[in-house]
Amino acid sequence: MYTAYRREQHTGLAFVLAIAGMSAFTPIFAAGKIADGLLPVIVLVWLRYLGGAMTILGVSVVKRVSLTGGLSPLWKLHVLRACCGIGGLGCSIYAASVLPLADATAIGLTKGIIAIGLAGLILKEIITGKHWIAGAFCAFGALLVVRSTETVGTYDGLAVAGVGAALLGAVFMALETLIIRYISQRENTVTILAYVNVLAACVLTGPVVWLIVNEGISLDSLMLFAWMGPLAIIGQSLNVSAYRRAGAATLAPIYYGTVLLSALFGFAVWGEIPTPIAALGALLIIMGGAVLTLPQSFSIRRRP
């Protein structure tokens, strides 16, 4: 019944698709820092999902994909994913607005370790020694990146909240990762994206419209971030395609590469220069991704 949406497992292609998807989401997660207080975080999240809903509905018309053929049998998972998406994006945008971009991204990358464990526990995917070794390299590398950005002995109150938000966002995104992996092999991409974007936009529209009116936020300010929705659809499409070709446990460590993209973006936009420790952390992250490309025979399986 669901084989129409399955694809031959191809780790190399999944890697390329995942990298492209990460590149699309890098400026979205940095939206809070880009806005610099111009718009509240919840408004940025709403703009991303509202724009995404409008974009994917337009795509469904062009591709003639019917979205009115009845309620999806996986609608509960779509609702859960929309909630996880809102929570993950909101936490990530807030964290990046009060922490250095690479710092917030690296902390959020704990989602990889969480996703690996949940993939084995919930999806019953085989977790091999290769996955754990890659995860360890990437996790330690991310930790070095975080440590390199600390300019004082302890975080101040606002930054502590940012660290907490980044960790909470990691939990939301790990859960969303597993849901994407499950539904991506059972429904077409347009349907998957339409559900999450429309549901999230509907959930947020009421409170956000009230906030916009109450705070007197101008239409010009809102339009400055209209790019978030279409860009997110591109990133989501690439991510869905990646998860159709590789397991969640395999892709989780690869997504540690977001810290490299964030570092490059931070340097290009705000002149943030990685320290030697951050560079070492980035190298470990790359090594973690390289471990995943080694032959399967290298994997150390746990004895039953």
Foldseek 3Di string as FASTA:
>chain_A
DLQVLFDAADQVLLLVLQVLLLLLCLVLLQVLQVCLPLDQLLLSLLLQLVLQLVVLVVVCVVVVPDLPPDDDPCLVLLLLLLVLSSLLSSLSSLLVNQAPQLLLLLLLLCLLVVLLVCCCVPVVDFDWQLLVLLVVLLNVLSVLQNVQRDPDPDDDPSNVSSSVSSNSSSPSVSSSLVSLLVCSSGDPLSNSSNSSSVSNNVVSVVVVVVVCVVVVNDPVSSVVSSVSHVSNSSSSSSNSVSSSRDPSSLCSLSSSCSSVSSQVVCCVPVNDDGDPSNVVSNVSSVVSNVSSPDDPVVIHGDDD
